[in-house]
C-alpha atoms as a PDB file:
ATOM      1  CA  GLU A   1      -0.117   0.219   0.126  1.00  0.00           C
ATOM      2  CA  ILE A   2       2.625   2.020   0.849  1.00  0.00           C
ATOM      3  CA  LEU A   3       4.478   1.297  -2.453  1.00  0.00           C
ATOM      4  CA  ASP A   4       1.235   2.108  -4.220  1.00  0.00           C
ATOM      5  CA  SER A   5       1.862   5.613  -3.391  1.00  0.00           C
ATOM      6  CA  LEU A   6       5.693   5.966  -4.408  1.00  0.00           C
ATOM      7  CA  ARG A   7       6.969   6.571  -8.032  1.00  0.00           C
ATOM      8  CA  LEU A   8      10.955   5.439  -8.772  1.00  0.00           C
ATOM      9  CA  VAL A   9      13.038   8.342  -9.688  1.00  0.00           C
ATOM     10  CA  GLY A  10      16.447   6.981  -9.653  1.00  0.00           C
ATOM     11  CA  ALA A  11      18.368   3.768  -9.348  1.00  0.00           C
ATOM     12  CA  SER A  12      21.924   2.652  -9.362  1.00  0.00           C
ATOM     13  CA  GLY A  13      21.985  -1.155  -8.136  1.00  0.00           C
ATOM     14  CA  GLN A  14      21.075  -4.813  -8.499  1.00  0.00           C
ATOM     15  CA  LEU A  15      17.845  -6.436  -8.145  1.00  0.00           C
ATOM     16  CA  ILE A  16      17.354 -10.226  -8.364  1.00  0.00           C
ATOM     17  CA  ILE A  17      14.118 -11.225  -9.253  1.00  0.00           C
ATOM     18  CA  PRO A  18      12.823 -15.225  -7.873  1.00  0.00           C
ATOM     19  CA  GLU A  19      11.239 -17.386 -10.622  1.00  0.00           C
ATOM     20  CA  ASP A  20       8.186 -17.896  -7.887  1.00  0.00           C
ATOM     21  CA  PHE A  21       7.655 -15.424  -5.884  1.00  0.00           C
ATOM     22  CA  ARG A  22       5.905 -17.902  -3.019  1.00  0.00           C
ATOM     23  CA  GLY A  23       9.147 -19.732  -3.376  1.00  0.00           C
ATOM     24  CA  ALA A  24      11.918 -19.576  -0.711  1.00  0.00           C
ATOM     25  CA  GLN A  25      14.369 -17.554  -2.855  1.00  0.00           C
ATOM     26  CA  PRO A  26      14.318 -14.858  -1.688  1.00  0.00           C
ATOM     27  CA  LEU A  27      13.978 -10.652  -3.748  1.00  0.00           C
ATOM     28  CA  ARG A  28      17.498  -9.544  -3.702  1.00  0.00           C
ATOM     29  CA  ILE A  29      17.807  -5.799  -4.052  1.00  0.00           C
ATOM     30  CA  THR A  30      21.596  -4.454  -3.590  1.00  0.00           C
ATOM     31  CA  MET A  31      21.440  -0.458  -4.683  1.00  0.00           C
ATOM     32  CA  ASP A  32      24.027   2.304  -4.403  1.00  0.00           C
ATOM     33  CA  ARG A  33      21.152   5.094  -4.828  1.00  0.00           C
ATOM     34  CA  LEU A  34      17.278   4.541  -4.943  1.00  0.00           C
ATOM     35  CA  VAL A  35      15.460   7.832  -5.041  1.00  0.00           C
ATOM     36  CA  LEU A  36      11.787   8.035  -4.745  1.00  0.00           C
ATOM     37  CA  GLN A  37       9.013  10.296  -5.099  1.00  0.00           C
ATOM     38  CA  LYS A  38       5.095  10.599  -4.417  1.00  0.00           C
ATOM     39  CA  ALA A  39       3.033   9.790  -7.113  1.00  0.00           C
ATOM     40  CA  PRO A  40       0.156  12.307  -7.623  1.00  0.00           C
ATOM     41  CA  ARG A  41      -3.306  11.042  -7.020  1.00  0.00           C
ATOM     42  CA  VAL A  42      -5.460   9.902  -9.796  1.00  0.00           C
ATOM     43  CA  ASP A  43      -8.566  10.254  -8.087  1.00  0.00           C
ATOM     44  CA  ASP A  44      -8.684  11.920  -4.576  1.00  0.00           C
ATOM     45  CA  ALA A  45     -12.170  10.023  -4.055  1.00  0.00           C
ATOM     46  CA  ALA A  46     -10.410   6.798  -4.745  1.00  0.00           C
ATOM     47  CA  GLU A  47      -9.832   4.355  -1.925  1.00  0.00           C
ATOM     48  CA  PRO A  48      -6.461   3.006  -1.606  1.00  0.00           C
ATOM     49  CA  ALA A  49      -6.273  -0.835  -3.310  1.00  0.00           C
ATOM     50  CA  SER A  50      -6.074  -3.430  -0.491  1.00  0.00           C
ATOM     51  CA  SER A  51      -3.169  -5.254  -0.407  1.00  0.00           C
ATOM     52  CA  ASP A  52      -2.733  -9.045   0.627  1.00  0.00           C
ATOM     53  CA  PRO A  53       0.597  -9.495   2.343  1.00  0.00           C
ATOM     54  CA  ARG A  54       0.409 -13.120   1.452  1.00  0.00           C
ATOM     55  CA  ASN A  55       1.300 -11.795  -1.513  1.00  0.00           C
ATOM     56  CA  LEU A  56       4.672 -10.620  -1.041  1.00  0.00           C
ATOM     57  CA  PRO A  57       7.963 -12.542  -1.798  1.00  0.00           C
ATOM     58  CA  ASN A  58      10.808 -13.059   0.941  1.00  0.00           C
ATOM     59  CA  ILE A  59      13.144 -10.006   0.209  1.00  0.00           C
ATOM     60  CA  GLU A  60      16.681  -9.316   1.405  1.00  0.00           C
ATOM     61  CA  ALA A  61      17.648  -5.613   0.901  1.00  0.00           C
ATOM     62  CA  HIS A  62      20.340  -3.384   0.799  1.00  0.00           C
ATOM     63  CA  VAL A  63      20.418   0.239  -0.420  1.00  0.00           C
ATOM     64  CA  ALA A  64      23.531   2.355   0.529  1.00  0.00           C
ATOM     65  CA  ASP A  65      21.550   6.028  -0.286  1.00  0.00           C
ATOM     66  CA  VAL A  66      17.548   6.355  -0.280  1.00  0.00           C
ATOM     67  CA  ARG A  67      16.313   9.558  -0.468  1.00  0.00           C
ATOM     68  CA  LEU A  68      12.262  10.540  -0.605  1.00  0.00           C
ATOM     69  CA  GLU A  69      11.668  13.444  -2.315  1.00  0.00           C
ATOM     70  CA  SER A  70      13.954  15.596  -0.158  1.00  0.00           C
ATOM     71  CA  ARG A  71      14.308  14.006   2.332  1.00  0.00           C
ATOM     72  CA  ALA A  72      17.596  12.215   2.830  1.00  0.00           C
ATOM     73  CA  PHE A  73      17.002   8.637   4.760  1.00  0.00           C
ATOM     74  CA  GLY A  74      20.441   7.129   4.545  1.00  0.00           C
ATOM     75  CA  ASN A  75      21.825   3.029   4.770  1.00  0.00           C
ATOM     76  CA  VAL A  76      18.644   1.121   5.025  1.00  0.00           C
ATOM     77  CA  ASP A  77      18.781  -3.095   5.377  1.00  0.00           C
ATOM     78  CA  LEU A  78      15.979  -4.774   5.218  1.00  0.00           C
ATOM     79  CA  LYS A  79      14.430  -8.126   5.473  1.00  0.00           C
ATOM     80  CA  VAL A  80      10.882 -10.005   5.575  1.00  0.00           C
ATOM     81  CA  SER A  81      10.244 -13.184   5.067  1.00  0.00           C
ATOM     82  CA  ARG A  82       6.726 -14.714   3.707  1.00  0.00           C
ATOM     83  CA  VAL A  83       4.514 -16.169   6.925  1.00  0.00           C
ATOM     84  CA  ALA A  84       1.284 -18.150   6.415  1.00  0.00           C
ATOM     85  CA  GLN A  85      -0.796 -15.031   7.462  1.00  0.00           C
ATOM     86  CA  GLY A  86       1.292 -13.031   5.089  1.00  0.00           C
ATOM     87  CA  ALA A  87       4.758 -10.975   5.943  1.00  0.00           C
ATOM     88  CA  ARG A  88       6.989 -10.707   9.438  1.00  0.00           C
ATOM     89  CA  ILE A  89       9.599  -7.748   9.045  1.00  0.00           C
ATOM     90  CA  ASP A  90      12.656  -9.691  10.712  1.00  0.00           C
ATOM     91  CA  SER A  91      14.811  -6.382  10.525  1.00  0.00           C
ATOM     92  CA  LEU A  92      14.600  -3.018   8.762  1.00  0.00           C
ATOM     93  CA  THR A  93      17.957  -0.760   9.975  1.00  0.00           C
ATOM     94  CA  ILE A  94      17.823   2.739   8.562  1.00  0.00           C
ATOM     95  CA  VAL A  95      21.430   4.719   9.375  1.00  0.00           C
ATOM     96  CA  GLY A  96      21.901   8.341   8.794  1.00  0.00           C
ATOM     97  CA  GLU A  97      24.129  10.929   9.256  1.00  0.00           C
ATOM     98  CA  ALA A  98      23.520  11.190  13.038  1.00  0.00           C
ATOM     99  CA  SER A  99      20.290   8.880  13.641  1.00  0.00           C
ATOM    100  CA  ARG A 100      19.552   5.023  13.381  1.00  0.00           C
ATOM    101  CA  ALA A 101      16.247   3.226  13.230  1.00  0.00           C
ATOM    102  CA  GLU A 102      15.603  -0.491  14.184  1.00  0.00           C
ATOM    103  CA  LEU A 103      12.810  -1.852  13.637  1.00  0.00           C
ATOM    104  CA  GLN A 104      10.858  -5.193  13.413  1.00  0.00           C
ATOM    105  CA  GLY A 105       6.792  -6.252  12.396  1.00  0.00           C
ATOM    106  CA  GLU A 106       4.401  -7.909  11.044  1.00  0.00           C
ATOM    107  CA  TRP A 107       1.393  -7.366   8.590  1.00  0.00           C
ATOM    108  CA  LEU A 108      -0.830 -10.283   8.748  1.00  0.00           C
ATOM    109  CA  LEU A 109      -4.215 -11.072   7.077  1.00  0.00           C
ATOM    110  CA  THR A 110      -6.716 -12.409   9.648  1.00  0.00           C
ATOM    111  CA  ALA A 111     -10.089 -13.048  10.396  1.00  0.00           C
ATOM    112  CA  GLU A 112     -10.651 -10.224  10.906  1.00  0.00           C
ATOM    113  CA  GLY A 113      -9.223  -8.617   8.544  1.00  0.00           C
ATOM    114  CA  PRO A 114      -5.988  -7.092   7.720  1.00  0.00           C
ATOM    115  CA  LYS A 115      -3.913  -6.444  11.193  1.00  0.00           C
ATOM    116  CA  SER A 116      -0.248  -4.329  11.194  1.00  0.00           C
ATOM    117  CA  ALA A 117       2.070  -3.811  13.772  1.00  0.00           C
ATOM    118  CA  LEU A 118       5.738  -2.301  14.392  1.00  0.00           C
ATOM    119  CA  ASP A 119       8.327  -2.096  17.397  1.00  0.00           C
ATOM    120  CA  GLY A 120      11.474  -0.022  17.215  1.00  0.00           C
ATOM    121  CA  LYS A 121      14.228   2.331  17.871  1.00  0.00           C
ATOM    122  CA  VAL A 122      15.056   5.682  16.328  1.00  0.00           C
ATOM    123  CA  THR A 123      18.148   6.942  18.095  1.00  0.00           C
ATOM    124  CA  SER A 124      19.954  10.453  17.161  1.00  0.00           C
ATOM    125  CA  THR A 125      23.018  11.652  18.116  1.00  0.00           C
ATOM    126  CA  ASP A 126      22.484  15.257  16.657  1.00  0.00           C
ATOM    127  CA  VAL A 127      18.240  15.742  16.876  1.00  0.00           C
ATOM    128  CA  ALA A 128      19.350  18.964  14.472  1.00  0.00           C
ATOM    129  CA  ALA A 129      20.795  17.018  11.671  1.00  0.00           C
ATOM    130  CA  THR A 130      18.325  14.530  11.951  1.00  0.00           C
ATOM    131  CA  LEU A 131      15.535  16.725  11.387  1.00  0.00           C
ATOM    132  CA  ARG A 132      16.690  18.738   8.443  1.00  0.00           C
ATOM    133  CA  ALA A 133      17.703  15.091   6.759  1.00  0.00           C
ATOM    134  CA  LEU A 134      14.407  14.298   7.139  1.00  0.00           C
ATOM    135  CA  ASN A 135      12.882  18.197   5.843  1.00  0.00           C
ATOM    136  CA  TYR A 136      11.456  18.465   9.242  1.00  0.00           C
ATOM    137  CA  THR A 137      11.125  21.558  11.006  1.00  0.00           C
ATOM    138  CA  GLN A 138      13.727  21.857  14.107  1.00  0.00           C
ATOM    139  CA  PHE A 139      10.860  21.998  16.376  1.00  0.00           C
ATOM    140  CA  MET A 140      13.665  20.246  19.254  1.00  0.00           C
ATOM    141  CA  ASP A 141      17.338  21.057  20.855  1.00  0.00           C
ATOM    142  CA  ALA A 142      18.761  18.800  21.716  1.00  0.00           C
ATOM    143  CA  LYS A 143      22.564  16.328  21.725  1.00  0.00           C
ATOM    144  CA  ARG A 144      20.963  13.420  21.379  1.00  0.00           C
ATOM    145  CA  ALA A 145      17.161  11.956  21.577  1.00  0.00           C
ATOM    146  CA  GLU A 146      15.904   8.358  21.453  1.00  0.00           C
ATOM    147  CA  ILE A 147      12.390   7.356  20.493  1.00  0.00           C
ATOM    148  CA  ARG A 148      11.001   3.689  21.316  1.00  0.00           C
ATOM    149  CA  ALA A 149       7.741   2.815  19.490  1.00  0.00           C
ATOM    150  CA  ASN A 150       5.210  -0.619  20.016  1.00  0.00           C
ATOM    151  CA  LEU A 151       2.302   0.483  18.003  1.00  0.00           C
ATOM    152  CA  SER A 152      -0.266  -1.843  16.175  1.00  0.00           C
ATOM    153  CA  TRP A 153      -3.116  -1.160  14.058  1.00  0.00           C
ATOM    154  CA  PRO A 154      -6.144  -2.631  11.987  1.00  0.00           C
ATOM    155  CA  GLY A 155      -4.731  -2.641   8.668  1.00  0.00           C
ATOM    156  CA  GLY A 156      -1.811  -2.799   6.293  1.00  0.00           C
ATOM    157  CA  LEU A 157       1.186  -0.813   5.912  1.00  0.00           C
ATOM    158  CA  ASP A 158      -0.318   2.432   4.263  1.00  0.00           C
ATOM    159  CA  GLU A 159       1.425   5.816   4.296  1.00  0.00           C
ATOM    160  CA  ASN A 160      -1.232   7.311   6.823  1.00  0.00           C
ATOM    161  CA  PHE A 161      -1.059   4.052   9.611  1.00  0.00           C
ATOM    162  CA  LEU A 162       0.078   6.339  12.303  1.00  0.00           C
ATOM    163  CA  SER A 163      -3.308   8.202  12.309  1.00  0.00           C
ATOM    164  CA  HIS A 164      -5.013   4.791  13.523  1.00  0.00           C
ATOM    165  CA  ALA A 165      -2.308   3.023  15.101  1.00  0.00           C
ATOM    166  CA  SER A 166      -2.513   2.551  19.105  1.00  0.00           C
ATOM    167  CA  GLY A 167       0.422   1.142  21.391  1.00  0.00           C
ATOM    168  CA  THR A 168       3.255   3.168  23.498  1.00  0.00           C
ATOM    169  CA  LEU A 169       5.533   5.450  22.340  1.00  0.00           C
ATOM    170  CA  THR A 170       8.984   6.998  24.284  1.00  0.00           C
ATOM    171  CA  VAL A 171      10.834  10.211  23.132  1.00  0.00           C
ATOM    172  CA  ALA A 172      13.649  10.843  25.400  1.00  0.00           C
ATOM    173  CA  ALA A 173      15.929  13.403  24.803  1.00  0.00           C
ATOM    174  CA  ASP A 174      19.126  14.593  26.503  1.00  0.00           C
ATOM    175  CA  ALA A 175      20.378  18.055  27.456  1.00  0.00           C
ATOM    176  CA  GLY A 176      17.499  19.461  25.189  1.00  0.00           C
ATOM    177  CA  GLN A 177      14.425  21.424  24.984  1.00  0.00           C
ATOM    178  CA  LEU A 178      11.280  22.467  23.307  1.00  0.00           C
ATOM    179  CA  LEU A 179      11.440  25.123  20.726  1.00  0.00           C
ATOM    180  CA  ASN A 180       8.475  27.607  18.825  1.00  0.00           C
ATOM    181  CA  LEU A 181       5.638  26.576  21.380  1.00  0.00           C
ATOM    182  CA  GLN A 182       3.570  28.901  22.919  1.00  0.00           C
ATOM    183  CA  PRO A 183       3.372  28.492  26.823  1.00  0.00           C
ATOM    184  CA  GLY A 184       1.499  26.237  28.331  1.00  0.00           C
ATOM    185  CA  ALA A 185       1.418  22.879  29.069  1.00  0.00           C
ATOM    186  CA  GLY A 186      -1.324  22.710  26.318  1.00  0.00           C
ATOM    187  CA  ARG A 187       0.806  22.537  23.765  1.00  0.00           C
ATOM    188  CA  VAL A 188       3.900  20.204  25.149  1.00  0.00           C
ATOM    189  CA  LEU A 189       1.312  17.365  25.899  1.00  0.00           C
ATOM    190  CA  GLY A 190      -0.431  18.314  22.355  1.00  0.00           C
ATOM    191  CA  LEU A 191       3.179  18.068  20.658  1.00  0.00           C
END
């Protein structure tokens, strides 16, 4: 579902496609660079197509430089395994200039419909640099920060999964402060 909303702009590397996506051989991706951009919507009123995670192959991917439009994500390593009900993200590691993300998860088709979960940690040794690399406004000034998440939601891995996810999310920052906020606890809690 996320891939449906992206368009390949540039790539350099190797892609080895297995003869059978349902077999044991993984889809192997080894690239120096992968540049994506959001695909324009054809019809805003159209519902996104529902994908079946059981159709995904085993995946082993390494991309040295991943970019989504003006966002530089860095080095990405991904391992996905097919399971009876869908797909398991064995590991997703993203290493940027000043940050590192490590995630595991699953996307399953159950009797109640699709369900997904992610468990992971993002650490930054320079929050300002990390926010700039991801093209976000600097809302926090901190030398080091860590975000831990354990989330689940009904549905698949779409671009709006955070709007219907539940679970725990913790943020810890050392020697830092929130920037450009009006006084009041409500603004901090809202953030």
